[in-house]
Amino acid sequence: MTAIEERATGDLQALARKHLWMHFTRMGAYDDAHEIPVIVRGDGCYVFDQRGKRYLDGLAALYCVNIGHGRAEVAQAGADQAKELGFFTNWGYAHPKAIELAARIAGLAPGDLNRVFFTSGGSEAVESALKLCRQYHKLTGNPGRFKVISRHLAYHGTTMGALTATGIPDARRPFEPLFPGSAHVANTNPYRPEADDPAEAIRERIEFEGPETVSCVILEPVQNSGGCLVPPEGYFQRVREICDEYGVLLISDEVICSWGRLGAYFGAERLGYVPDIVTTAKGLTSAYAAMGAVIATDRVFAPFAEGAASFDHGLTFGGHPVASAVALANLDVFEDEGLNEHVRANEAAFGAMLGSLCDIPIVGHVRGMGYFWALELVRDRDTKETLSDDESEWLLRGFLSGALFERGLICRADDRGDPVITLAPPLIAGPEQFEEIHAVLRPVLEEASQRLDLH
């Protein structure tokens, strides 16, 4: 059957297997007996596959669809803008929606984070922020500052600069050698602590590298990779002091943690610190359009406003008028429906539901905040013994992912670090969805424990 004939007969499986190259996907895993999941429709907290089966989207389509699926008014905002001005660049020009959105973001961001540089997504936002830091230091008389410090297991994106900051060895290895200048320090895993004081580990690393060579420190408010690593009390306040002491810029990578995921517009706001730069994407538009942004303080922007200086960087679709209109409509939903307040009102119930699973032998630890939680899976809960590589491979890819999906739950089974299940539903979810999640997780995790002969 030709591709044209396949399109005419609607054979999406055949077309996908022949032509679609999916991201971070073992393409050889799909054949006639193992179908590619084809999602065709979304409504609220749920999505539907090509056969009409409903799934609870427990990951908000990769931490993105914060307002939920099927918001006609948000889609309409994009369509209306496309009719008026489908596209014009931000390279030396401005248009109303980008201006309005930049002003609105500045009004919501903490401190004097008043300057917004738009990108097409999260990796581009991180890449742009790293370049911004380097050029900032050159303009302010510190051209030797080029190194970036991040944390073990932290994921900061797939572009080469962002990958340099990423602290996951398996993510870096296929593309090495990477750009020089990255260093990684202890993360904030409370279950498996890597340092007595993870903030001081940053200071020690700055001293080791030479403060005059360090450009920035990049941290997520709650680290995703490794399983929702919540910082200890006072961590970010101390990191802020350390960065100020050594003249290092602090980037808060909020591609996931902004726009309500932690119950506030920004994770930095929820955790009580003001970075020099915020990177954001995903929930900015609730993924109804592709968009990211770098938000900088007035101090960081200042040298770029002098004389003939400019930030020598740009992206064709940064600040796209359709994406900007969608983002504005998305933020209207946040305000009209009080989504940040809704998350804060329900986070304890969400955490308690997941905590109730700790009687299952394989569940070692539950952690998170807002609507961003993880369960760490272990071989022995008393000793915290983790699973072997073979056990983890079978558990996550051979059993859990398929069993959860078959029962109608989309979440993330991940072993970038120790094995975890991550949950981050749309921010409109509530007790009804929590019960649905529990009703799927419990029997599947109990079966996993039995198959691994855990007691």
Protein backbone atom coordinates (compact mmCIF):
# COMPACT_ATOMS: atom_id res chain seq x y z
CA MET A 1 0.00 0.00 0.00
CA THR A 2 1.42 3.41 -0.93
CA ALA A 3 1.54 6.30 1.52
CA ILE A 4 -1.24 8.03 -0.43
CA GLU A 5 -3.42 4.91 -0.21
CA GLU A 6 -2.66 4.56 3.51
CA ARG A 7 -3.73 8.14 4.12
CA ALA A 8 -6.93 7.54 2.17
CA THR A 9 -7.78 4.44 4.20
CA GLY A 10 -6.83 6.07 7.47
CA ASP A 11 -4.22 3.47 8.43
CA LEU A 12 -2.49 5.65 11.02
CA GLN A 13 -0.50 2.77 12.48
CA ALA A 14 1.11 1.91 9.14
CA LEU A 15 1.86 5.54 8.39
CA ALA A 16 3.35 6.14 11.82
CA ARG A 17 5.61 3.09 11.64
CA LYS A 18 6.81 4.01 8.15
CA HIS A 19 7.24 7.76 8.44
CA LEU A 20 7.02 9.22 11.97
CA TRP A 21 10.25 9.44 13.95
CA MET A 22 9.15 9.86 17.56
CA HIS A 23 11.25 11.59 20.19
CA PHE A 24 13.18 9.64 22.84
CA THR A 25 11.50 6.48 21.55
CA ARG A 26 12.79 2.98 20.85
CA MET A 27 11.36 2.82 17.35
CA GLY A 28 12.17 -0.87 16.98
CA ALA A 29 9.72 -1.70 19.77
CA TYR A 30 6.68 -1.25 17.50
CA ASP A 31 5.36 -3.89 15.11
CA ASP A 32 2.04 -5.52 14.25
CA ALA A 33 1.80 -6.89 17.78
CA HIS A 34 2.85 -3.66 19.51
CA GLU A 35 0.95 -0.61 18.33
CA ILE A 36 2.06 2.99 18.56
CA PRO A 37 -0.34 4.84 20.88
CA VAL A 38 -2.21 7.30 18.67
CA ILE A 39 -4.00 10.00 20.67
CA VAL A 40 -6.66 11.82 18.67
CA ARG A 41 -8.70 13.93 21.09
CA GLY A 42 -8.57 15.57 24.50
CA ASP A 43 -11.20 16.79 26.97
CA GLY A 44 -10.34 18.19 30.39
CA CYS A 45 -8.09 15.72 32.23
CA TYR A 46 -8.62 12.99 29.63
CA VAL A 47 -7.40 12.01 26.17
CA PHE A 48 -8.76 9.44 23.73
CA ASP A 49 -6.99 7.12 21.32
CA GLN A 50 -7.92 6.30 17.74
CA ARG A 51 -10.29 3.57 18.92
CA GLY A 52 -12.11 5.83 21.36
CA LYS A 53 -10.54 4.48 24.57
CA ARG A 54 -10.27 7.10 27.31
CA TYR A 55 -7.12 7.72 29.38
CA LEU A 56 -6.55 9.92 32.40
CA ASP A 57 -3.67 12.19 31.39
CA GLY A 58 -1.66 11.95 34.58
CA LEU A 59 1.30 13.75 33.03
CA ALA A 60 -0.50 16.72 31.41
CA ALA A 61 1.04 15.60 28.09
CA LEU A 62 4.61 15.96 29.43
CA TYR A 63 3.96 18.60 32.12
CA CYS A 64 2.39 20.93 29.55
CA VAL A 65 -1.40 21.03 29.34
CA ASN A 66 -1.91 22.80 32.65
CA ILE A 67 -5.40 24.14 31.93
CA GLY A 68 -6.58 20.79 30.57
CA HIS A 69 -7.48 19.62 27.09
CA GLY A 70 -10.14 20.93 24.75
CA ARG A 71 -10.28 24.61 25.71
CA ALA A 72 -12.05 26.05 22.69
CA GLU A 73 -11.58 29.65 23.81
CA VAL A 74 -7.80 29.28 23.88
CA ALA A 75 -7.73 27.68 20.45
CA GLN A 76 -10.03 30.42 19.17
CA ALA A 77 -7.67 33.11 20.43
CA GLY A 78 -4.95 31.62 18.23
CA ALA A 79 -7.27 31.37 15.23
CA ASP A 80 -8.41 34.97 15.61
CA GLN A 81 -4.83 36.19 15.77
CA ALA A 82 -3.87 34.14 12.70
CA LYS A 83 -6.58 35.92 10.73
CA GLU A 84 -5.30 39.35 11.79
CA LEU A 85 -1.53 38.75 11.68
CA GLY A 86 -0.38 35.19 11.21
CA PHE A 87 3.29 35.96 11.71
CA PHE A 88 5.84 38.68 11.97
CA THR A 89 9.31 38.48 13.46
CA ASN A 90 10.59 40.00 16.69
CA TRP A 91 13.94 40.68 14.99
CA GLY A 92 13.92 44.47 15.10
CA TYR A 93 10.10 44.61 15.08
CA ALA A 94 7.35 44.19 17.62
CA HIS A 95 3.68 43.29 17.39
CA PRO A 96 0.85 43.85 19.88
CA LYS A 97 0.45 40.33 21.29
CA ALA A 98 4.13 39.86 22.05
CA ILE A 99 4.20 43.27 23.75
CA GLU A 100 1.08 42.50 25.79
CA LEU A 101 2.36 39.08 26.79
CA ALA A 102 5.80 40.37 27.80
CA ALA A 103 4.19 43.00 30.00
CA ARG A 104 1.84 40.48 31.55
CA ILE A 105 4.63 38.02 32.32
CA ALA A 106 6.72 40.80 33.87
CA GLY A 107 3.76 41.71 36.06
CA LEU A 108 3.48 38.13 37.34
CA ALA A 109 7.18 37.36 37.78
CA PRO A 110 8.84 37.93 41.17
CA GLY A 111 11.17 40.83 41.89
CA ASP A 112 12.44 42.90 38.98
CA LEU A 113 12.26 40.11 36.38
CA ASN A 114 10.94 42.60 33.86
CA ARG A 115 12.54 41.70 30.51
CA VAL A 116 11.13 38.85 28.40
CA PHE A 117 12.95 37.21 25.49
CA PHE A 118 10.71 34.73 23.68
CA THR A 119 11.75 31.35 22.29
CA SER A 120 9.97 28.40 20.69
CA GLY A 121 10.31 26.01 23.64
CA GLY A 122 12.12 24.96 26.78
CA SER A 123 15.46 23.75 25.42
CA GLU A 124 15.74 26.94 23.38
CA ALA A 125 14.97 28.97 26.49
CA VAL A 126 17.79 27.29 28.42
CA GLU A 127 20.16 27.59 25.45
CA SER A 128 19.32 31.29 25.18
CA ALA A 129 19.80 31.85 28.91
CA LEU A 130 23.24 30.23 28.90
CA LYS A 131 24.31 32.41 25.98
CA LEU A 132 22.82 35.46 27.66
CA CYS A 133 24.90 34.83 30.78
CA ARG A 134 28.12 34.52 28.78
CA GLN A 135 27.53 37.72 26.85
CA TYR A 136 26.45 39.55 30.01
CA HIS A 137 29.76 38.76 31.66
CA LYS A 138 31.71 39.92 28.60
CA LEU A 139 29.81 43.20 28.53
CA THR A 140 30.44 43.74 32.24
CA GLY A 141 34.18 43.13 32.07
CA ASN A 142 34.38 39.45 33.02
CA PRO A 143 35.07 37.64 29.74
CA GLY A 144 36.58 34.61 31.50
CA ARG A 145 33.26 33.54 32.98
CA PHE A 146 31.93 30.69 30.84
CA LYS A 147 31.28 27.71 33.11
CA VAL A 148 27.84 26.50 34.16
CA ILE A 149 27.12 24.63 37.38
CA SER A 150 24.07 22.38 37.64
CA ARG A 151 23.07 19.30 39.63
CA HIS A 152 23.51 15.57 39.27
CA LEU A 153 20.70 13.98 37.22
CA ALA A 154 19.23 17.39 36.31
CA TYR A 155 17.72 17.64 32.84
CA HIS A 156 17.94 21.06 31.19
CA GLY A 157 17.21 20.31 27.54
CA THR A 158 18.43 18.66 24.36
CA THR A 159 20.24 21.40 22.43
CA MET A 160 24.00 21.21 22.76
CA GLY A 161 24.41 24.02 25.26
CA ALA A 162 21.49 22.86 27.37
CA LEU A 163 22.79 19.31 27.18
CA THR A 164 26.11 20.53 28.56
CA ALA A 165 24.23 21.69 31.66
CA THR A 166 22.27 18.45 31.86
CA GLY A 167 23.57 16.12 34.55
CA ILE A 168 22.32 12.79 33.19
CA PRO A 169 25.27 10.75 31.88
CA ASP A 170 23.17 8.61 29.53
CA ALA A 171 21.63 11.73 27.96
CA ARG A 172 25.06 13.25 27.34
CA ARG A 173 26.97 10.18 26.22
CA PRO A 174 25.62 9.80 22.63
CA PHE A 175 26.63 13.37 21.78
CA GLU A 176 30.01 13.73 23.47
CA PRO A 177 32.32 15.51 23.36
CA LEU A 178 30.13 18.35 24.55
CA PHE A 179 31.06 22.00 24.94
CA PRO A 180 33.59 22.55 27.74
CA GLY A 181 32.69 24.26 30.95
CA SER A 182 30.06 22.21 32.76
CA ALA A 183 30.24 21.05 36.38
CA HIS A 184 27.70 19.13 38.42
CA VAL A 185 27.04 19.11 42.15
CA ALA A 186 24.84 17.26 44.62
CA ASN A 187 21.10 17.41 44.04
CA THR A 188 18.46 17.66 46.77
CA ASN A 189 17.19 14.08 46.89
CA PRO A 190 15.86 13.74 50.46
CA TYR A 191 15.68 9.94 50.22
CA ARG A 192 19.23 9.43 49.00
CA PRO A 193 21.12 12.59 50.06
CA GLU A 194 24.36 13.23 48.21
CA ALA A 195 25.68 15.93 50.53
CA ASP A 196 25.10 17.12 54.08
CA ASP A 197 24.47 20.62 52.73
CA PRO A 198 23.70 20.69 48.98
CA ALA A 199 23.78 24.49 48.86
CA GLU A 200 27.30 24.57 50.26
CA ALA A 201 28.25 22.01 47.62
CA ILE A 202 27.60 24.76 45.06
CA ARG A 203 29.87 27.18 46.90
CA GLU A 204 32.59 24.54 47.10
CA ARG A 205 32.33 23.85 43.38
CA ILE A 206 32.55 27.54 42.51
CA GLU A 207 35.72 27.75 44.60
CA PHE A 208 37.13 24.62 42.97
CA GLU A 209 36.47 25.85 39.42
CA GLY A 210 37.69 29.37 40.19
CA PRO A 211 34.99 32.02 40.73
CA GLU A 212 36.38 34.13 37.89
CA THR A 213 35.50 31.31 35.44
CA VAL A 214 31.92 30.57 36.54
CA SER A 215 29.14 32.19 34.53
CA CYS A 216 25.97 30.80 36.08
CA VAL A 217 24.26 28.26 38.27
CA ILE A 218 21.13 26.67 36.78
CA LEU A 219 18.64 24.86 39.03
CA GLU A 220 15.03 23.73 38.81
CA PRO A 221 12.86 24.73 41.80
CA VAL A 222 11.83 21.07 42.10
CA GLN A 223 14.14 18.84 40.06
CA ASN A 224 12.25 16.60 37.65
CA SER A 225 14.82 13.95 36.74
CA GLY A 226 15.45 11.67 39.68
CA GLY A 227 11.82 12.05 40.73
CA CYS A 228 10.54 15.41 41.97
CA LEU A 229 13.45 16.39 44.20
CA VAL A 230 12.12 19.04 46.57
CA PRO A 231 14.76 21.35 48.09
CA PRO A 232 15.29 21.54 51.84
CA GLU A 233 14.16 24.61 53.76
CA GLY A 234 16.41 27.61 53.09
CA TYR A 235 18.26 25.97 50.19
CA PHE A 236 17.50 28.57 47.53
CA GLN A 237 18.00 31.48 49.90
CA ARG A 238 21.52 30.21 50.61
CA VAL A 239 22.20 29.58 46.90
CA ARG A 240 21.11 33.14 46.19
CA GLU A 241 23.61 34.43 48.77
CA ILE A 242 26.39 32.28 47.30
CA CYS A 243 25.76 33.49 43.76
CA ASP A 244 25.74 37.10 44.90
CA GLU A 245 28.97 36.60 46.85
CA TYR A 246 30.83 35.26 43.81
CA GLY A 247 29.20 37.38 41.08
CA VAL A 248 27.55 34.32 39.48
CA LEU A 249 24.16 34.55 37.80
CA LEU A 250 21.37 32.30 39.11
CA ILE A 251 19.04 30.74 36.53
CA SER A 252 15.79 29.22 37.76
CA ASP A 253 14.91 26.63 35.12
CA GLU A 254 11.12 26.61 35.32
CA VAL A 255 10.21 24.96 32.05
CA ILE A 256 8.13 22.59 34.19
CA CYS A 257 7.76 24.35 37.53
CA SER A 258 6.20 27.64 36.35
CA TRP A 259 2.58 28.36 35.46
CA GLY A 260 0.88 26.68 38.38
CA ARG A 261 2.68 23.33 38.53
CA LEU A 262 3.74 24.13 42.12
CA GLY A 263 0.68 26.23 42.91
CA ALA A 264 2.14 29.60 41.90
CA TYR A 265 2.95 31.31 38.62
CA PHE A 266 6.63 30.63 39.28
CA GLY A 267 8.38 28.05 41.41
CA ALA A 268 10.77 30.73 42.65
CA GLU A 269 7.78 32.63 44.00
CA ARG A 270 6.49 29.54 45.82
CA LEU A 271 9.92 28.79 47.31
CA GLY A 272 10.75 32.40 48.18
CA TYR A 273 13.73 33.46 46.06
CA VAL A 274 14.38 35.82 43.15
CA PRO A 275 16.76 34.51 40.46
CA ASP A 276 18.56 36.62 37.89
CA ILE A 277 16.95 34.70 35.03
CA VAL A 278 13.95 32.40 34.65
CA THR A 279 13.54 29.94 31.78
CA THR A 280 10.00 28.85 31.01
CA ALA A 281 7.87 27.10 28.38
CA LYS A 282 5.28 24.25 28.50
CA GLY A 283 2.51 25.71 30.71
CA LEU A 284 3.05 29.22 29.33
CA THR A 285 0.58 28.29 26.60
CA SER A 286 -0.56 25.00 28.18
CA ALA A 287 0.98 23.61 24.96
CA TYR A 288 -1.86 24.90 22.78
CA ALA A 289 1.02 26.50 20.85
CA ALA A 290 4.79 26.05 21.00
CA MET A 291 6.41 28.81 23.06
CA GLY A 292 9.12 29.45 25.63
CA ALA A 293 10.75 32.47 27.21
CA VAL A 294 13.76 33.79 29.07
CA ILE A 295 12.85 36.32 31.75
CA ALA A 296 15.69 38.51 33.01
CA THR A 297 16.09 41.09 35.74
CA ASP A 298 16.63 44.76 35.02
CA ARG A 299 20.26 44.33 36.15
CA VAL A 300 20.93 41.58 33.61
CA PHE A 301 19.26 43.59 30.85
CA ALA A 302 21.06 46.86 31.65
CA PRO A 303 24.33 46.33 29.72
CA PHE A 304 22.36 45.35 26.61
CA ALA A 305 20.57 48.71 26.65
CA GLU A 306 23.76 50.77 26.37
CA GLY A 307 25.13 52.23 23.14
CA ALA A 308 25.31 49.79 20.24
CA ALA A 309 25.06 46.66 22.41
CA SER A 310 22.55 43.91 21.62
CA PHE A 311 21.97 40.32 22.65
CA ASP A 312 23.47 38.64 19.60
CA HIS A 313 20.97 35.81 19.50
CA GLY A 314 17.54 35.19 18.04
CA LEU A 315 15.00 32.61 16.90
CA THR A 316 12.66 32.93 13.95
CA PHE A 317 9.52 31.97 15.82
CA GLY A 318 10.31 33.61 19.17
CA GLY A 319 7.32 35.69 20.22
CA HIS A 320 5.14 34.31 17.41
CA PRO A 321 1.89 36.34 17.38
CA VAL A 322 -0.35 33.25 17.34
CA ALA A 323 1.53 31.66 20.24
CA SER A 324 1.46 34.98 22.11
CA ALA A 325 -2.32 35.24 21.69
CA VAL A 326 -2.71 31.67 22.91
CA ALA A 327 -0.53 32.37 25.95
CA LEU A 328 -2.62 35.42 26.87
CA ALA A 329 -5.82 33.39 26.63
CA ASN A 330 -4.20 30.63 28.70
CA LEU A 331 -3.36 33.12 31.44
CA ASP A 332 -6.94 34.36 31.37
CA VAL A 333 -8.05 30.83 32.27
CA PHE A 334 -5.58 30.76 35.16
CA GLU A 335 -6.99 33.99 36.56
CA ASP A 336 -10.66 33.31 35.87
CA GLU A 337 -10.60 29.84 37.41
CA GLY A 338 -8.06 30.43 40.20
CA LEU A 339 -5.88 27.51 39.15
CA ASN A 340 -2.96 28.35 41.43
CA GLU A 341 -5.30 28.45 44.40
CA HIS A 342 -6.91 25.20 43.27
CA VAL A 343 -3.52 23.44 43.19
CA ARG A 344 -2.56 24.67 46.65
CA ALA A 345 -5.95 23.65 48.04
CA ASN A 346 -5.61 20.11 46.68
CA GLU A 347 -1.88 19.33 46.88
CA ALA A 348 -2.18 17.79 50.35
CA ALA A 349 -4.93 15.44 49.18
CA PHE A 350 -2.89 14.48 46.11
CA GLY A 351 0.17 13.76 48.25
CA ALA A 352 -1.88 11.84 50.81
CA MET A 353 -3.39 9.64 48.11
CA LEU A 354 0.07 8.75 46.83
CA GLY A 355 1.34 8.32 50.39
CA SER A 356 -1.35 5.72 51.00
CA LEU A 357 0.49 3.47 48.54
CA CYS A 358 3.50 3.19 50.85
CA ASP A 359 2.14 -0.06 52.30
CA ILE A 360 3.03 -1.73 48.97
CA PRO A 361 6.54 -3.26 49.29
CA ILE A 362 7.90 -1.77 46.06
CA VAL A 363 7.06 1.83 47.04
CA GLY A 364 10.05 3.25 48.86
CA HIS A 365 9.38 6.99 48.95
CA VAL A 366 6.76 9.54 47.91
CA ARG A 367 7.81 13.15 47.34
CA GLY A 368 6.73 16.31 45.57
CA MET A 369 4.66 19.45 45.91
CA GLY A 370 1.84 21.16 44.07
CA TYR A 371 0.73 18.89 41.23
CA PHE A 372 4.22 17.44 40.72
CA TRP A 373 4.86 14.14 42.55
CA ALA A 374 6.94 10.99 42.28
CA LEU A 375 7.03 7.53 43.81
CA GLU A 376 10.48 5.94 44.07
CA LEU A 377 10.43 2.18 43.54
CA VAL A 378 12.81 -0.07 45.50
CA ARG A 379 13.73 -3.71 46.04
CA ASP A 380 13.92 -3.34 49.83
CA ARG A 381 12.15 -0.51 51.60
CA ASP A 382 13.97 -1.01 54.91
CA THR A 383 17.46 -0.75 53.41
CA LYS A 384 16.48 1.44 50.42
CA GLU A 385 18.10 -1.12 48.15
CA THR A 386 17.31 -0.18 44.58
CA LEU A 387 16.44 -2.50 41.74
CA SER A 388 19.11 -4.01 39.50
CA ASP A 389 19.46 -2.73 35.95
CA ASP A 390 17.71 -5.82 34.59
CA GLU A 391 14.90 -5.55 37.13
CA SER A 392 14.45 -1.87 36.37
CA GLU A 393 14.35 -2.53 32.64
CA TRP A 394 11.69 -5.19 33.07
CA LEU A 395 9.69 -3.19 35.60
CA LEU A 396 9.57 0.15 33.80
CA ARG A 397 9.51 -0.90 30.16
CA GLY A 398 8.45 -4.52 30.27
CA PHE A 399 5.59 -4.18 32.73
CA LEU A 400 4.65 -0.87 34.38
CA SER A 401 4.31 1.44 31.36
CA GLY A 402 2.13 -1.01 29.48
CA ALA A 403 0.06 -2.09 32.48
CA LEU A 404 -0.72 1.47 33.55
CA PHE A 405 -1.59 2.50 30.00
CA GLU A 406 -3.79 -0.56 29.51
CA ARG A 407 -5.74 0.40 32.63
CA GLY A 408 -6.21 3.92 31.30
CA LEU A 409 -3.54 5.98 33.08
CA ILE A 410 -0.81 7.98 31.36
CA CYS A 411 2.12 8.80 33.65
CA ARG A 412 5.89 8.48 33.49
CA ALA A 413 7.92 5.47 34.54
CA ASP A 414 11.51 6.67 34.52
CA ASP A 415 14.97 5.47 35.55
CA ARG A 416 17.14 8.50 34.96
CA GLY A 417 18.50 7.83 38.41
CA ASP A 418 16.64 5.33 40.59
CA PRO A 419 13.30 4.03 39.25
CA VAL A 420 10.36 6.35 39.77
CA ILE A 421 6.80 6.94 38.63
CA THR A 422 6.07 10.63 38.07
CA LEU A 423 2.62 12.20 38.11
CA ALA A 424 1.77 15.74 37.01
CA PRO A 425 -1.88 15.95 35.93
CA PRO A 426 -3.61 19.02 34.51
CA LEU A 427 -4.13 21.64 37.17
CA ILE A 428 -7.90 21.28 36.93
CA ALA A 429 -7.69 17.74 38.40
CA GLY A 430 -9.23 17.11 41.79
CA PRO A 431 -10.28 14.34 44.21
CA GLU A 432 -12.17 12.42 41.52
CA GLN A 433 -9.03 12.14 39.38
CA PHE A 434 -6.89 11.35 42.43
CA GLU A 435 -9.13 8.36 43.14
CA GLU A 436 -8.85 7.21 39.54
CA ILE A 437 -5.07 7.40 39.75
CA HIS A 438 -5.10 5.43 43.00
CA ALA A 439 -7.41 2.79 41.53
CA VAL A 440 -4.90 2.12 38.74
CA LEU A 441 -1.62 2.48 40.65
CA ARG A 442 -2.48 0.20 43.57
CA PRO A 443 -3.22 -3.06 41.73
CA VAL A 444 -0.40 -2.53 39.23
CA LEU A 445 2.19 -1.83 41.93
CA GLU A 446 0.93 -4.74 44.02
CA GLU A 447 1.34 -7.03 41.02
CA ALA A 448 4.82 -5.64 40.37
CA SER A 449 5.77 -6.40 43.98
CA GLN A 450 4.50 -9.95 43.67
CA ARG A 451 6.31 -10.58 40.38
CA LEU A 452 9.57 -9.34 41.92
CA ASP A 453 8.86 -11.45 45.02
CA LEU A 454 9.02 -8.44 47.34
CA HIS A 455 7.64 -8.64 50.87
